[in-house]
Amino acid sequence: MIPIKNSYEVEQMRRACRIAARVLDRVVNLVVPGVNTYDLDQAGKRYIRESGATSACHNFQNGNRIYPGYICVSVNDEVVHGIGSLRRTIRSGDVVSVDVVISYNGFIGDNARTVMVGEVSAEVRHLVETTRDALGCAISFARDGGRVGDISHAVQTFVESRGLSIVREFVGHGVGRSMHEAPQIPNHGRKGKGDRLRAGMTLAIEPMVNLGKHEVIVADDGWTAVTLDGKPSAHFEHTVLITKNGPEILTLPKK
């Protein structure tokens, strides 16, 4: 069953998502040449705690593996789930994906953004801008009465029309009291297929796009997904509430 949030739960989701958005905003402002990814992770830890929230990533368990970071920081060919490291220093020309997932009063806020550092190539800029715009396109299909496949199809057709590849091993998902709820939301699929979308659903929609081929593998740390061909990847994500009047993006920071 896909959870439908009541008015109380929706308001709690709004609060959690506003915190996640503010933390993400603060962290990406620190992504400059010379900073290492461990310092970014620790800044995320500090900002989350200052907000009265906790990291939903830290100590997340998958089988016998436990995620050690507080946020995910993925660089260049790292697609998702990158772990902050003192040995990884950001350089001009890099692309850095920051994924912040927090828990506040028992509810999850989840969002991600890829930033370009300094001067990047035209093809990398095309990758990042396409992924960002694919998210906007996908959100427009998160409508009451629609289907999950409408979102999936929108991402796939948008991205592939621009000569880029969709990551297939990782998907978007429902989000609420848990970081991963039903339904799964692939970034590829057929329009009109999949679960029916209803007002009150909250979804983490997250295109992951590669400059080269779509295949990815998991690195030796057991967490970080990297592109098989070593080419850059980009990742954007918002938590979205489906309403009778259309989608509401919950992870927009309130100034």
C-alpha atoms as a PDB file:
ATOM      1  CA  MET A   1       0.000   0.000   0.000  1.00  0.00           C
ATOM      2  CA  ILE A   2       1.199   3.522  -0.819  1.00  0.00           C
ATOM      3  CA  PRO A   3       0.804   5.758   2.255  1.00  0.00           C
ATOM      4  CA  ILE A   4      -1.627   8.679   1.916  1.00  0.00           C
ATOM      5  CA  LYS A   5      -0.738  11.466   4.343  1.00  0.00           C
ATOM      6  CA  ASN A   6      -3.394  13.202   6.388  1.00  0.00           C
ATOM      7  CA  SER A   7      -3.264  16.941   7.097  1.00  0.00           C
ATOM      8  CA  TYR A   8      -1.110  16.490  10.210  1.00  0.00           C
ATOM      9  CA  GLU A   9       1.365  14.276   8.384  1.00  0.00           C
ATOM     10  CA  VAL A  10       1.530  16.661   5.431  1.00  0.00           C
ATOM     11  CA  GLU A  11       2.407  19.554   7.726  1.00  0.00           C
ATOM     12  CA  GLN A  12       5.110  17.483   9.415  1.00  0.00           C
ATOM     13  CA  MET A  13       6.505  16.585   5.998  1.00  0.00           C
ATOM     14  CA  ARG A  14       6.595  20.260   5.071  1.00  0.00           C
ATOM     15  CA  ARG A  15       8.626  21.034   8.189  1.00  0.00           C
ATOM     16  CA  ALA A  16      11.078  18.180   7.665  1.00  0.00           C
ATOM     17  CA  CYS A  17      11.530  19.028   4.003  1.00  0.00           C
ATOM     18  CA  ARG A  18      12.168  22.714   4.709  1.00  0.00           C
ATOM     19  CA  ILE A  19      14.987  21.685   7.045  1.00  0.00           C
ATOM     20  CA  ALA A  20      16.435  19.303   4.461  1.00  0.00           C
ATOM     21  CA  ALA A  21      16.310  22.045   1.845  1.00  0.00           C
ATOM     22  CA  ARG A  22      18.053  24.598   4.061  1.00  0.00           C
ATOM     23  CA  VAL A  23      20.794  22.126   4.979  1.00  0.00           C
ATOM     24  CA  LEU A  24      21.357  21.244   1.326  1.00  0.00           C
ATOM     25  CA  ASP A  25      21.535  24.936   0.406  1.00  0.00           C
ATOM     26  CA  ARG A  26      24.153  25.588   3.084  1.00  0.00           C
ATOM     27  CA  VAL A  27      26.295  22.600   2.149  1.00  0.00           C
ATOM     28  CA  VAL A  28      26.365  23.256  -1.595  1.00  0.00           C
ATOM     29  CA  ASN A  29      27.534  26.813  -0.871  1.00  0.00           C
ATOM     30  CA  LEU A  30      30.667  25.230   0.637  1.00  0.00           C
ATOM     31  CA  VAL A  31      31.506  23.252  -2.506  1.00  0.00           C
ATOM     32  CA  VAL A  32      34.558  25.135  -3.776  1.00  0.00           C
ATOM     33  CA  PRO A  33      38.026  24.123  -4.948  1.00  0.00           C
ATOM     34  CA  GLY A  34      40.215  22.940  -2.082  1.00  0.00           C
ATOM     35  CA  VAL A  35      37.529  21.638   0.263  1.00  0.00           C
ATOM     36  CA  ASN A  36      37.526  17.913   0.990  1.00  0.00           C
ATOM     37  CA  THR A  37      34.395  15.814   1.006  1.00  0.00           C
ATOM     38  CA  TYR A  38      34.791  14.819   4.663  1.00  0.00           C
ATOM     39  CA  ASP A  39      34.539  18.478   5.658  1.00  0.00           C
ATOM     40  CA  LEU A  40      31.360  18.767   3.584  1.00  0.00           C
ATOM     41  CA  ASP A  41      29.934  15.736   5.377  1.00  0.00           C
ATOM     42  CA  GLN A  42      30.807  17.187   8.771  1.00  0.00           C
ATOM     43  CA  ALA A  43      29.269  20.527   7.832  1.00  0.00           C
ATOM     44  CA  GLY A  44      26.099  18.668   6.919  1.00  0.00           C
ATOM     45  CA  LYS A  45      26.185  16.907  10.290  1.00  0.00           C
ATOM     46  CA  ARG A  46      26.518  20.254  12.078  1.00  0.00           C
ATOM     47  CA  TYR A  47      23.750  21.986  10.094  1.00  0.00           C
ATOM     48  CA  ILE A  48      21.359  19.077  10.629  1.00  0.00           C
ATOM     49  CA  ARG A  49      21.943  19.099  14.386  1.00  0.00           C
ATOM     50  CA  GLU A  50      21.584  22.882  14.569  1.00  0.00           C
ATOM     51  CA  SER A  51      18.145  22.423  12.973  1.00  0.00           C
ATOM     52  CA  GLY A  52      17.031  20.003  15.673  1.00  0.00           C
ATOM     53  CA  ALA A  53      16.950  17.132  13.176  1.00  0.00           C
ATOM     54  CA  THR A  54      18.961  13.945  12.694  1.00  0.00           C
ATOM     55  CA  SER A  55      20.600  12.446   9.637  1.00  0.00           C
ATOM     56  CA  ALA A  56      18.568   9.635   8.095  1.00  0.00           C
ATOM     57  CA  CYS A  57      21.689   8.457   6.246  1.00  0.00           C
ATOM     58  CA  HIS A  58      24.030   8.036   9.205  1.00  0.00           C
ATOM     59  CA  ASN A  59      24.128   4.421  10.375  1.00  0.00           C
ATOM     60  CA  PHE A  60      21.581   3.410   7.731  1.00  0.00           C
ATOM     61  CA  GLN A  61      21.882  -0.362   7.416  1.00  0.00           C
ATOM     62  CA  ASN A  62      21.688  -2.379   4.211  1.00  0.00           C
ATOM     63  CA  GLY A  63      22.323  -6.021   4.991  1.00  0.00           C
ATOM     64  CA  ASN A  64      25.535  -6.112   7.009  1.00  0.00           C
ATOM     65  CA  ARG A  65      26.696  -2.730   5.717  1.00  0.00           C
ATOM     66  CA  ILE A  66      26.265   0.478   7.727  1.00  0.00           C
ATOM     67  CA  TYR A  67      26.545   3.886   6.053  1.00  0.00           C
ATOM     68  CA  PRO A  68      29.128   5.990   7.942  1.00  0.00           C
ATOM     69  CA  GLY A  69      28.366   9.458   6.579  1.00  0.00           C
ATOM     70  CA  TYR A  70      25.801  12.077   7.552  1.00  0.00           C
ATOM     71  CA  ILE A  71      25.096  13.200   3.986  1.00  0.00           C
ATOM     72  CA  CYS A  72      26.081  11.729   0.620  1.00  0.00           C
ATOM     73  CA  VAL A  73      28.765  13.520  -1.399  1.00  0.00           C
ATOM     74  CA  SER A  74      29.425  12.050  -4.856  1.00  0.00           C
ATOM     75  CA  VAL A  75      32.090  13.455  -7.185  1.00  0.00           C
ATOM     76  CA  ASN A  76      32.385  13.161 -10.979  1.00  0.00           C
ATOM     77  CA  ASP A  77      31.828   9.489 -11.914  1.00  0.00           C
ATOM     78  CA  GLU A  78      30.249   8.771  -8.524  1.00  0.00           C
ATOM     79  CA  VAL A  79      26.513   8.579  -9.111  1.00  0.00           C
ATOM     80  CA  VAL A  80      25.067   8.346  -5.586  1.00  0.00           C
ATOM     81  CA  HIS A  81      25.927   7.360  -1.998  1.00  0.00           C
ATOM     82  CA  GLY A  82      29.450   8.791  -1.993  1.00  0.00           C
ATOM     83  CA  ILE A  83      31.086   8.863   1.449  1.00  0.00           C
ATOM     84  CA  GLY A  84      32.970  11.944   2.638  1.00  0.00           C
ATOM     85  CA  SER A  85      36.745  11.439   2.758  1.00  0.00           C
ATOM     86  CA  LEU A  86      39.749  13.453   3.875  1.00  0.00           C
ATOM     87  CA  ARG A  87      41.508  12.067   0.814  1.00  0.00           C
ATOM     88  CA  ARG A  88      39.005  13.479  -1.688  1.00  0.00           C
ATOM     89  CA  THR A  89      39.608  17.169  -2.439  1.00  0.00           C
ATOM     90  CA  ILE A  90      37.307  19.123  -4.728  1.00  0.00           C
ATOM     91  CA  ARG A  91      38.955  20.699  -7.778  1.00  0.00           C
ATOM     92  CA  SER A  92      37.863  23.166 -10.426  1.00  0.00           C
ATOM     93  CA  GLY A  93      36.111  21.273 -13.211  1.00  0.00           C
ATOM     94  CA  ASP A  94      34.505  18.743 -10.860  1.00  0.00           C
ATOM     95  CA  VAL A  95      30.802  18.030 -10.565  1.00  0.00           C
ATOM     96  CA  VAL A  96      29.643  17.290  -7.022  1.00  0.00           C
ATOM     97  CA  SER A  97      26.295  15.754  -6.080  1.00  0.00           C
ATOM     98  CA  VAL A  98      25.118  16.415  -2.525  1.00  0.00           C
ATOM     99  CA  ASP A  99      22.222  14.363  -1.126  1.00  0.00           C
ATOM    100  CA  VAL A 100      20.709  15.383   2.225  1.00  0.00           C
ATOM    101  CA  VAL A 101      18.144  13.185   3.989  1.00  0.00           C
ATOM    102  CA  ILE A 102      16.987  14.224   7.453  1.00  0.00           C
ATOM    103  CA  SER A 103      14.502  13.029  10.051  1.00  0.00           C
ATOM    104  CA  TYR A 104      12.500  15.555  12.061  1.00  0.00           C
ATOM    105  CA  ASN A 105       9.720  14.632  14.488  1.00  0.00           C
ATOM    106  CA  GLY A 106       9.530  11.201  12.853  1.00  0.00           C
ATOM    107  CA  PHE A 107       9.239  12.440   9.259  1.00  0.00           C
ATOM    108  CA  ILE A 108      11.765  12.468   6.422  1.00  0.00           C
ATOM    109  CA  GLY A 109      12.955  15.288   4.163  1.00  0.00           C
ATOM    110  CA  ASP A 110      14.981  14.186   1.125  1.00  0.00           C
ATOM    111  CA  ASN A 111      16.665  16.269  -1.588  1.00  0.00           C
ATOM    112  CA  ALA A 112      19.781  16.382  -3.751  1.00  0.00           C
ATOM    113  CA  ARG A 113      21.580  18.710  -6.133  1.00  0.00           C
ATOM    114  CA  THR A 114      24.597  18.558  -8.418  1.00  0.00           C
ATOM    115  CA  VAL A 115      26.853  21.599  -8.558  1.00  0.00           C
ATOM    116  CA  MET A 116      29.542  22.511 -11.060  1.00  0.00           C
ATOM    117  CA  VAL A 117      32.842  23.664  -9.576  1.00  0.00           C
ATOM    118  CA  GLY A 118      34.701  26.417 -11.400  1.00  0.00           C
ATOM    119  CA  GLU A 119      35.083  26.000 -15.154  1.00  0.00           C
ATOM    120  CA  VAL A 120      33.551  22.794 -16.511  1.00  0.00           C
ATOM    121  CA  SER A 121      33.374  21.434 -20.037  1.00  0.00           C
ATOM    122  CA  ALA A 122      30.393  22.149 -22.270  1.00  0.00           C
ATOM    123  CA  GLU A 123      29.353  18.483 -22.171  1.00  0.00           C
ATOM    124  CA  VAL A 124      29.413  18.417 -18.376  1.00  0.00           C
ATOM    125  CA  ARG A 125      27.329  21.588 -18.241  1.00  0.00           C
ATOM    126  CA  HIS A 126      24.882  19.939 -20.643  1.00  0.00           C
ATOM    127  CA  LEU A 127      24.721  16.906 -18.319  1.00  0.00           C
ATOM    128  CA  VAL A 128      23.991  18.925 -15.193  1.00  0.00           C
ATOM    129  CA  GLU A 129      21.480  21.268 -16.792  1.00  0.00           C
ATOM    130  CA  THR A 130      19.646  18.401 -18.483  1.00  0.00           C
ATOM    131  CA  THR A 131      19.370  16.470 -15.209  1.00  0.00           C
ATOM    132  CA  ARG A 132      18.075  19.537 -13.385  1.00  0.00           C
ATOM    133  CA  ASP A 133      15.498  20.214 -16.087  1.00  0.00           C
ATOM    134  CA  ALA A 134      14.488  16.527 -16.211  1.00  0.00           C
ATOM    135  CA  LEU A 135      13.515  16.786 -12.561  1.00  0.00           C
ATOM    136  CA  GLY A 136      11.297  19.770 -13.301  1.00  0.00           C
ATOM    137  CA  CYS A 137       9.712  17.901 -16.187  1.00  0.00           C
ATOM    138  CA  ALA A 138       9.120  14.816 -14.037  1.00  0.00           C
ATOM    139  CA  ILE A 139       7.520  16.804 -11.214  1.00  0.00           C
ATOM    140  CA  SER A 140       4.961  18.244 -13.631  1.00  0.00           C
ATOM    141  CA  PHE A 141       3.614  14.698 -14.102  1.00  0.00           C
ATOM    142  CA  ALA A 142       3.197  14.013 -10.360  1.00  0.00           C
ATOM    143  CA  ARG A 143      -0.543  14.571 -10.512  1.00  0.00           C
ATOM    144  CA  ASP A 144      -3.593  13.128  -8.817  1.00  0.00           C
ATOM    145  CA  GLY A 145      -5.036  10.378 -11.020  1.00  0.00           C
ATOM    146  CA  GLY A 146      -1.863   9.854 -13.003  1.00  0.00           C
ATOM    147  CA  ARG A 147       0.494   6.888 -12.933  1.00  0.00           C
ATOM    148  CA  VAL A 148       4.032   6.342 -11.696  1.00  0.00           C
ATOM    149  CA  GLY A 149       4.951   5.481 -15.284  1.00  0.00           C
ATOM    150  CA  ASP A 150       4.024   9.015 -16.358  1.00  0.00           C
ATOM    151  CA  ILE A 151       6.855  10.345 -14.176  1.00  0.00           C
ATOM    152  CA  SER A 152       9.271   7.645 -15.311  1.00  0.00           C
ATOM    153  CA  HIS A 153       8.481   8.160 -18.989  1.00  0.00           C
ATOM    154  CA  ALA A 154       8.881  11.929 -18.678  1.00  0.00           C
ATOM    155  CA  VAL A 155      12.418  11.579 -17.286  1.00  0.00           C
ATOM    156  CA  GLN A 156      13.494   8.989 -19.835  1.00  0.00           C
ATOM    157  CA  THR A 157      12.222  10.782 -22.921  1.00  0.00           C
ATOM    158  CA  PHE A 158      13.572  14.148 -21.769  1.00  0.00           C
ATOM    159  CA  VAL A 159      17.044  12.811 -20.988  1.00  0.00           C
ATOM    160  CA  GLU A 160      17.443  10.476 -23.945  1.00  0.00           C
ATOM    161  CA  SER A 161      16.301  13.169 -26.389  1.00  0.00           C
ATOM    162  CA  ARG A 162      19.393  15.074 -25.265  1.00  0.00           C
ATOM    163  CA  GLY A 163      21.794  12.225 -25.897  1.00  0.00           C
ATOM    164  CA  LEU A 164      22.344  11.191 -22.273  1.00  0.00           C
ATOM    165  CA  SER A 165      21.748   7.965 -20.326  1.00  0.00           C
ATOM    166  CA  ILE A 166      19.388   7.108 -17.477  1.00  0.00           C
ATOM    167  CA  VAL A 167      20.715   5.172 -14.480  1.00  0.00           C
ATOM    168  CA  ARG A 168      18.496   2.099 -14.080  1.00  0.00           C
ATOM    169  CA  GLU A 169      19.843   0.454 -10.927  1.00  0.00           C
ATOM    170  CA  PHE A 170      18.590   3.198  -8.574  1.00  0.00           C
ATOM    171  CA  VAL A 171      15.118   4.722  -8.402  1.00  0.00           C
ATOM    172  CA  GLY A 172      13.033   7.386  -6.758  1.00  0.00           C
ATOM    173  CA  HIS A 173      10.542   6.325  -4.102  1.00  0.00           C
ATOM    174  CA  GLY A 174       7.800   7.259  -1.719  1.00  0.00           C
ATOM    175  CA  VAL A 175       8.948   8.999   1.434  1.00  0.00           C
ATOM    176  CA  GLY A 176       7.305   9.897   4.736  1.00  0.00           C
ATOM    177  CA  ARG A 177       7.767   8.277   8.108  1.00  0.00           C
ATOM    178  CA  SER A 178      10.366   6.075   6.431  1.00  0.00           C
ATOM    179  CA  MET A 179      13.139   7.052   4.011  1.00  0.00           C
ATOM    180  CA  HIS A 180      11.947   4.427   1.521  1.00  0.00           C
ATOM    181  CA  GLU A 181       8.217   3.880   1.109  1.00  0.00           C
ATOM    182  CA  ALA A 182       6.126   2.582  -1.774  1.00  0.00           C
ATOM    183  CA  PRO A 183       6.046   3.200  -4.655  1.00  0.00           C
ATOM    184  CA  GLN A 184       9.352   2.804  -6.434  1.00  0.00           C
ATOM    185  CA  ILE A 185       9.745   5.469  -9.139  1.00  0.00           C
ATOM    186  CA  PRO A 186      12.153   4.381 -11.893  1.00  0.00           C
ATOM    187  CA  ASN A 187      13.586   7.023 -14.191  1.00  0.00           C
ATOM    188  CA  HIS A 188      12.568   4.994 -17.220  1.00  0.00           C
ATOM    189  CA  GLY A 189       9.261   3.416 -18.125  1.00  0.00           C
ATOM    190  CA  ARG A 190       5.986   3.554 -20.017  1.00  0.00           C
ATOM    191  CA  LYS A 191       3.416   6.295 -19.767  1.00  0.00           C
ATOM    192  CA  GLY A 192       0.125   5.193 -18.228  1.00  0.00           C
ATOM    193  CA  LYS A 193       1.672   2.221 -16.417  1.00  0.00           C
ATOM    194  CA  GLY A 194       2.454   1.593 -12.751  1.00  0.00           C
ATOM    195  CA  ASP A 195       0.731   2.553  -9.522  1.00  0.00           C
ATOM    196  CA  ARG A 196      -2.016   5.173  -9.538  1.00  0.00           C
ATOM    197  CA  LEU A 197      -1.015   8.522  -8.051  1.00  0.00           C
ATOM    198  CA  ARG A 198      -3.297  10.053  -5.423  1.00  0.00           C
ATOM    199  CA  ALA A 199      -3.456  13.337  -3.527  1.00  0.00           C
ATOM    200  CA  GLY A 200      -1.654  12.991  -0.213  1.00  0.00           C
ATOM    201  CA  MET A 201       1.224  10.909  -1.550  1.00  0.00           C
ATOM    202  CA  THR A 202       4.720  12.249  -0.933  1.00  0.00           C
ATOM    203  CA  LEU A 203       7.363  11.173  -3.434  1.00  0.00           C
ATOM    204  CA  ALA A 204      11.124  11.573  -3.722  1.00  0.00           C
ATOM    205  CA  ILE A 205      11.633  12.093  -7.441  1.00  0.00           C
ATOM    206  CA  GLU A 206      15.299  11.882  -8.412  1.00  0.00           C
ATOM    207  CA  PRO A 207      16.722  11.649 -11.935  1.00  0.00           C
ATOM    208  CA  MET A 208      20.238  10.162 -12.046  1.00  0.00           C
ATOM    209  CA  VAL A 209      21.844  10.744 -15.427  1.00  0.00           C
ATOM    210  CA  ASN A 210      25.161   9.696 -16.955  1.00  0.00           C
ATOM    211  CA  LEU A 211      27.197  11.470 -19.606  1.00  0.00           C
ATOM    212  CA  GLY A 212      28.248   8.106 -21.046  1.00  0.00           C
ATOM    213  CA  LYS A 213      26.547   4.728 -20.834  1.00  0.00           C
ATOM    214  CA  HIS A 214      23.915   3.884 -18.229  1.00  0.00           C
ATOM    215  CA  GLU A 215      25.734   1.040 -16.476  1.00  0.00           C
ATOM    216  CA  VAL A 216      26.983   1.542 -12.918  1.00  0.00           C
ATOM    217  CA  ILE A 217      28.867  -0.588 -10.394  1.00  0.00           C
ATOM    218  CA  VAL A 218      29.330  -0.331  -6.632  1.00  0.00           C
ATOM    219  CA  ALA A 219      32.808   0.635  -5.414  1.00  0.00           C
ATOM    220  CA  ASP A 220      34.860  -1.340  -2.912  1.00  0.00           C
ATOM    221  CA  ASP A 221      33.410   0.654   0.006  1.00  0.00           C
ATOM    222  CA  GLY A 222      30.135  -1.191  -0.578  1.00  0.00           C
ATOM    223  CA  TRP A 223      28.115   2.014  -0.977  1.00  0.00           C
ATOM    224  CA  THR A 224      29.352   4.394  -3.658  1.00  0.00           C
ATOM    225  CA  ALA A 225      27.802   3.779  -7.083  1.00  0.00           C
ATOM    226  CA  VAL A 226      30.118   4.773  -9.934  1.00  0.00           C
ATOM    227  CA  THR A 227      29.683   4.805 -13.685  1.00  0.00           C
ATOM    228  CA  LEU A 228      31.147   1.741 -15.380  1.00  0.00           C
ATOM    229  CA  ASP A 229      32.799   3.813 -18.111  1.00  0.00           C
ATOM    230  CA  GLY A 230      34.216   6.414 -15.692  1.00  0.00           C
ATOM    231  CA  LYS A 231      32.281   9.323 -17.189  1.00  0.00           C
ATOM    232  CA  PRO A 232      30.533  11.942 -15.007  1.00  0.00           C
ATOM    233  CA  SER A 233      27.053  11.608 -13.571  1.00  0.00           C
ATOM    234  CA  ALA A 234      24.511  14.081 -12.152  1.00  0.00           C
ATOM    235  CA  HIS A 235      21.686  13.760  -9.617  1.00  0.00           C
ATOM    236  CA  PHE A 236      18.830  16.090  -8.670  1.00  0.00           C
ATOM    237  CA  GLU A 237      16.017  15.324  -6.241  1.00  0.00           C
ATOM    238  CA  HIS A 238      12.988  16.944  -4.623  1.00  0.00           C
ATOM    239  CA  THR A 239      10.373  15.621  -2.249  1.00  0.00           C
ATOM    240  CA  VAL A 240       6.980  16.343  -3.805  1.00  0.00           C
ATOM    241  CA  LEU A 241       3.448  16.282  -2.393  1.00  0.00           C
ATOM    242  CA  ILE A 242       0.644  15.352  -4.776  1.00  0.00           C
ATOM    243  CA  THR A 243      -2.383  17.595  -4.262  1.00  0.00           C
ATOM    244  CA  LYS A 244      -5.728  17.969  -5.987  1.00  0.00           C
ATOM    245  CA  ASN A 245      -4.335  21.156  -7.536  1.00  0.00           C
ATOM    246  CA  GLY A 246      -1.062  19.711  -8.787  1.00  0.00           C
ATOM    247  CA  PRO A 247       2.371  18.939  -7.362  1.00  0.00           C
ATOM    248  CA  GLU A 248       3.793  20.876  -4.418  1.00  0.00           C
ATOM    249  CA  ILE A 249       7.582  20.830  -4.060  1.00  0.00           C
ATOM    250  CA  LEU A 250       8.262  20.466  -0.353  1.00  0.00           C
ATOM    251  CA  THR A 251      12.049  20.805  -0.495  1.00  0.00           C
ATOM    252  CA  LEU A 252      12.222  24.443  -1.478  1.00  0.00           C
ATOM    253  CA  PRO A 253      14.117  26.436   1.165  1.00  0.00           C
ATOM    254  CA  LYS A 254      12.115  29.223   2.758  1.00  0.00           C
ATOM    255  CA  LYS A 255      14.240  32.347   2.979  1.00  0.00           C
END
